[in-house]
Amino acid sequence: MQAAMRTGYAIARLNSLEHGDWLEVRCVCGHVGTLNPVDLRHLPPMTPLSALEPRYLCTRCRRRGRVVAAVLNNQ
């Protein structure tokens, strides 16, 4: 089954993530990573998704702030 992507900021904050949601992080170098909500529990629940993008360091190109976050739902 393919995951449905809820793109943009329809899910504006971490506390808006629902059961089955994953956060997909795509770097401009082409690397794609996924995080499940458990990976994000160290962040405050009111953290906006837009605030995550400059924080993440790509594990392939080792540059920060070149990612786009989208929400995936596997249900």
N, C-alpha and C. Protein backbone atom coordinates (compact mmCIF):
# COMPACT_ATOMS: atom_id res chain seq x y z
N MET A 1 0.84 -1.18 0.00
CA MET A 1 0.00 0.00 0.00
C MET A 1 0.88 1.24 0.00
N GLN A 2 0.55 2.19 -0.83
CA GLN A 2 1.33 3.40 -0.93
C GLN A 2 0.80 4.44 0.04
N ALA A 3 1.71 5.18 0.63
CA ALA A 3 1.34 6.22 1.60
C ALA A 3 0.77 7.43 0.89
N ALA A 4 -0.26 8.00 1.47
CA ALA A 4 -0.83 9.24 0.95
C ALA A 4 -0.05 10.40 1.55
N MET A 5 0.31 11.37 0.73
CA MET A 5 1.08 12.50 1.22
C MET A 5 0.15 13.68 1.48
N ARG A 6 0.26 14.22 2.68
CA ARG A 6 -0.46 15.45 3.01
C ARG A 6 0.59 16.54 3.00
N THR A 7 0.69 17.23 1.89
CA THR A 7 1.77 18.18 1.70
C THR A 7 1.41 19.56 2.22
N GLY A 8 2.38 20.42 2.11
CA GLY A 8 2.19 21.80 2.55
C GLY A 8 2.07 21.86 4.06
N TYR A 9 1.38 22.83 4.52
CA TYR A 9 1.26 23.01 5.96
C TYR A 9 -0.18 22.85 6.42
N ALA A 10 -0.90 21.89 5.79
CA ALA A 10 -2.23 21.54 6.30
C ALA A 10 -2.07 21.00 7.71
N ILE A 11 -0.95 20.34 7.96
CA ILE A 11 -0.57 19.91 9.30
C ILE A 11 0.46 20.96 9.73
N ALA A 12 0.04 21.95 10.44
CA ALA A 12 0.90 23.08 10.74
C ALA A 12 1.84 22.84 11.91
N ARG A 13 1.42 22.02 12.87
CA ARG A 13 2.21 21.83 14.07
C ARG A 13 2.33 20.34 14.39
N LEU A 14 3.34 20.00 15.16
CA LEU A 14 3.57 18.59 15.51
C LEU A 14 2.38 17.98 16.23
N ASN A 15 1.68 18.75 17.05
CA ASN A 15 0.55 18.18 17.77
C ASN A 15 -0.64 17.90 16.85
N SER A 16 -0.56 18.28 15.59
CA SER A 16 -1.61 17.99 14.62
C SER A 16 -1.40 16.65 13.91
N LEU A 17 -0.25 16.02 14.15
CA LEU A 17 0.00 14.72 13.53
C LEU A 17 -0.98 13.70 14.09
N GLU A 18 -1.49 12.85 13.23
CA GLU A 18 -2.47 11.84 13.61
C GLU A 18 -1.82 10.45 13.62
N HIS A 19 -2.57 9.48 14.12
CA HIS A 19 -2.09 8.10 14.14
C HIS A 19 -1.77 7.66 12.72
N GLY A 20 -0.61 7.11 12.53
CA GLY A 20 -0.20 6.65 11.21
C GLY A 20 0.57 7.68 10.40
N ASP A 21 0.69 8.91 10.89
CA ASP A 21 1.43 9.95 10.18
C ASP A 21 2.93 9.76 10.37
N TRP A 22 3.67 10.07 9.34
CA TRP A 22 5.13 10.10 9.36
C TRP A 22 5.55 11.42 8.74
N LEU A 23 6.69 11.91 9.10
CA LEU A 23 7.22 13.13 8.52
C LEU A 23 8.30 12.75 7.51
N GLU A 24 8.10 13.15 6.27
CA GLU A 24 9.09 12.90 5.23
C GLU A 24 9.91 14.17 5.07
N VAL A 25 11.23 14.01 5.06
CA VAL A 25 12.14 15.15 4.92
C VAL A 25 12.96 14.92 3.66
N ARG A 26 12.81 15.82 2.68
CA ARG A 26 13.53 15.71 1.40
C ARG A 26 14.54 16.84 1.27
N CYS A 27 15.78 16.45 0.99
CA CYS A 27 16.84 17.44 0.78
C CYS A 27 16.92 17.75 -0.72
N VAL A 28 17.45 18.91 -1.07
CA VAL A 28 17.59 19.26 -2.47
C VAL A 28 18.62 18.37 -3.18
N CYS A 29 19.49 17.69 -2.42
CA CYS A 29 20.47 16.79 -3.04
C CYS A 29 19.80 15.48 -3.48
N GLY A 30 18.53 15.27 -3.09
CA GLY A 30 17.80 14.07 -3.49
C GLY A 30 17.61 13.06 -2.38
N HIS A 31 18.28 13.24 -1.27
CA HIS A 31 18.14 12.31 -0.15
C HIS A 31 16.77 12.47 0.51
N VAL A 32 16.13 11.35 0.84
CA VAL A 32 14.82 11.37 1.48
C VAL A 32 14.91 10.59 2.79
N GLY A 33 14.43 11.19 3.85
CA GLY A 33 14.38 10.51 5.13
C GLY A 33 12.98 10.58 5.70
N THR A 34 12.63 9.64 6.56
CA THR A 34 11.33 9.68 7.22
C THR A 34 11.52 9.61 8.72
N LEU A 35 10.67 10.31 9.42
CA LEU A 35 10.67 10.32 10.87
C LEU A 35 9.27 9.98 11.34
N ASN A 36 9.18 9.15 12.35
CA ASN A 36 7.86 8.90 12.90
C ASN A 36 7.68 9.81 14.10
N PRO A 37 6.46 10.05 14.54
CA PRO A 37 6.23 11.00 15.63
C PRO A 37 7.01 10.68 16.90
N VAL A 38 7.35 9.42 17.12
CA VAL A 38 8.15 9.07 18.30
C VAL A 38 9.53 9.71 18.21
N ASP A 39 10.08 9.83 16.99
CA ASP A 39 11.38 10.47 16.79
C ASP A 39 11.34 11.95 17.12
N LEU A 40 10.15 12.54 17.13
CA LEU A 40 10.00 13.98 17.33
C LEU A 40 9.52 14.34 18.73
N ARG A 41 9.40 13.36 19.62
CA ARG A 41 8.81 13.62 20.93
C ARG A 41 9.65 14.53 21.82
N HIS A 42 10.92 14.73 21.48
CA HIS A 42 11.76 15.64 22.26
C HIS A 42 11.45 17.11 21.97
N LEU A 43 10.67 17.36 20.92
CA LEU A 43 10.31 18.73 20.56
C LEU A 43 8.98 19.12 21.20
N PRO A 44 8.78 20.40 21.49
CA PRO A 44 7.49 20.84 22.03
C PRO A 44 6.36 20.55 21.02
N PRO A 45 5.18 20.14 21.50
CA PRO A 45 4.09 19.77 20.59
C PRO A 45 3.60 20.92 19.71
N MET A 46 3.80 22.14 20.12
CA MET A 46 3.34 23.28 19.32
C MET A 46 4.37 23.73 18.28
N THR A 47 5.44 22.97 18.09
CA THR A 47 6.46 23.31 17.11
C THR A 47 5.87 23.27 15.70
N PRO A 48 5.97 24.37 14.95
CA PRO A 48 5.47 24.35 13.58
C PRO A 48 6.39 23.54 12.66
N LEU A 49 5.81 22.90 11.65
CA LEU A 49 6.62 22.13 10.70
C LEU A 49 7.63 23.03 9.99
N SER A 50 7.25 24.25 9.73
CA SER A 50 8.17 25.16 9.04
C SER A 50 9.42 25.44 9.88
N ALA A 51 9.34 25.29 11.19
CA ALA A 51 10.51 25.50 12.05
C ALA A 51 11.46 24.32 12.01
N LEU A 52 11.01 23.16 11.55
CA LEU A 52 11.86 21.98 11.47
C LEU A 52 12.82 22.04 10.28
N GLU A 53 12.38 22.63 9.19
CA GLU A 53 13.16 22.60 7.96
C GLU A 53 14.56 23.18 8.11
N PRO A 54 14.76 24.32 8.75
CA PRO A 54 16.13 24.83 8.88
C PRO A 54 16.98 24.06 9.89
N ARG A 55 16.37 23.24 10.74
CA ARG A 55 17.09 22.53 11.79
C ARG A 55 17.77 21.25 11.31
N TYR A 56 17.21 20.61 10.29
CA TYR A 56 17.70 19.29 9.92
C TYR A 56 18.93 19.34 9.03
N LEU A 57 19.87 18.45 9.37
CA LEU A 57 21.11 18.29 8.63
C LEU A 57 20.95 17.04 7.76
N CYS A 58 21.20 17.18 6.48
CA CYS A 58 21.11 16.04 5.57
C CYS A 58 22.26 15.08 5.87
N THR A 59 21.94 13.80 5.99
CA THR A 59 22.98 12.81 6.28
C THR A 59 23.80 12.45 5.04
N ARG A 60 23.35 12.85 3.86
CA ARG A 60 24.11 12.58 2.64
C ARG A 60 25.07 13.73 2.33
N CYS A 61 24.55 14.95 2.17
CA CYS A 61 25.39 16.07 1.75
C CYS A 61 25.93 16.89 2.93
N ARG A 62 25.44 16.59 4.14
CA ARG A 62 25.90 17.22 5.38
C ARG A 62 25.64 18.73 5.43
N ARG A 63 24.64 19.19 4.71
CA ARG A 63 24.28 20.62 4.75
C ARG A 63 22.97 20.78 5.48
N ARG A 64 22.84 21.88 6.15
CA ARG A 64 21.66 22.17 6.95
C ARG A 64 20.77 23.17 6.22
N GLY A 65 19.45 23.03 6.45
CA GLY A 65 18.51 24.02 5.94
C GLY A 65 18.13 23.88 4.49
N ARG A 66 18.37 22.73 3.89
CA ARG A 66 18.03 22.53 2.48
C ARG A 66 16.94 21.49 2.32
N VAL A 67 16.10 21.32 3.33
CA VAL A 67 15.09 20.27 3.28
C VAL A 67 13.68 20.85 3.21
N VAL A 68 12.77 20.01 2.74
CA VAL A 68 11.35 20.31 2.73
C VAL A 68 10.67 19.18 3.47
N ALA A 69 9.79 19.52 4.41
CA ALA A 69 9.09 18.52 5.20
C ALA A 69 7.66 18.35 4.67
N ALA A 70 7.20 17.11 4.61
CA ALA A 70 5.83 16.80 4.24
C ALA A 70 5.34 15.70 5.15
N VAL A 71 4.04 15.60 5.32
CA VAL A 71 3.44 14.59 6.19
C VAL A 71 2.91 13.45 5.34
N LEU A 72 3.27 12.22 5.70
CA LEU A 72 2.78 11.02 5.03
C LEU A 72 1.84 10.31 5.98
N ASN A 73 0.81 9.68 5.44
CA ASN A 73 -0.10 8.89 6.26
C ASN A 73 -0.22 7.52 5.65
N ASN A 74 0.10 6.48 6.43
CA ASN A 74 0.09 5.11 5.93
C ASN A 74 -1.24 4.41 6.11
N GLN A 75 -2.28 5.09 6.46
CA GLN A 75 -3.57 4.43 6.65
C GLN A 75 -4.32 4.30 5.36
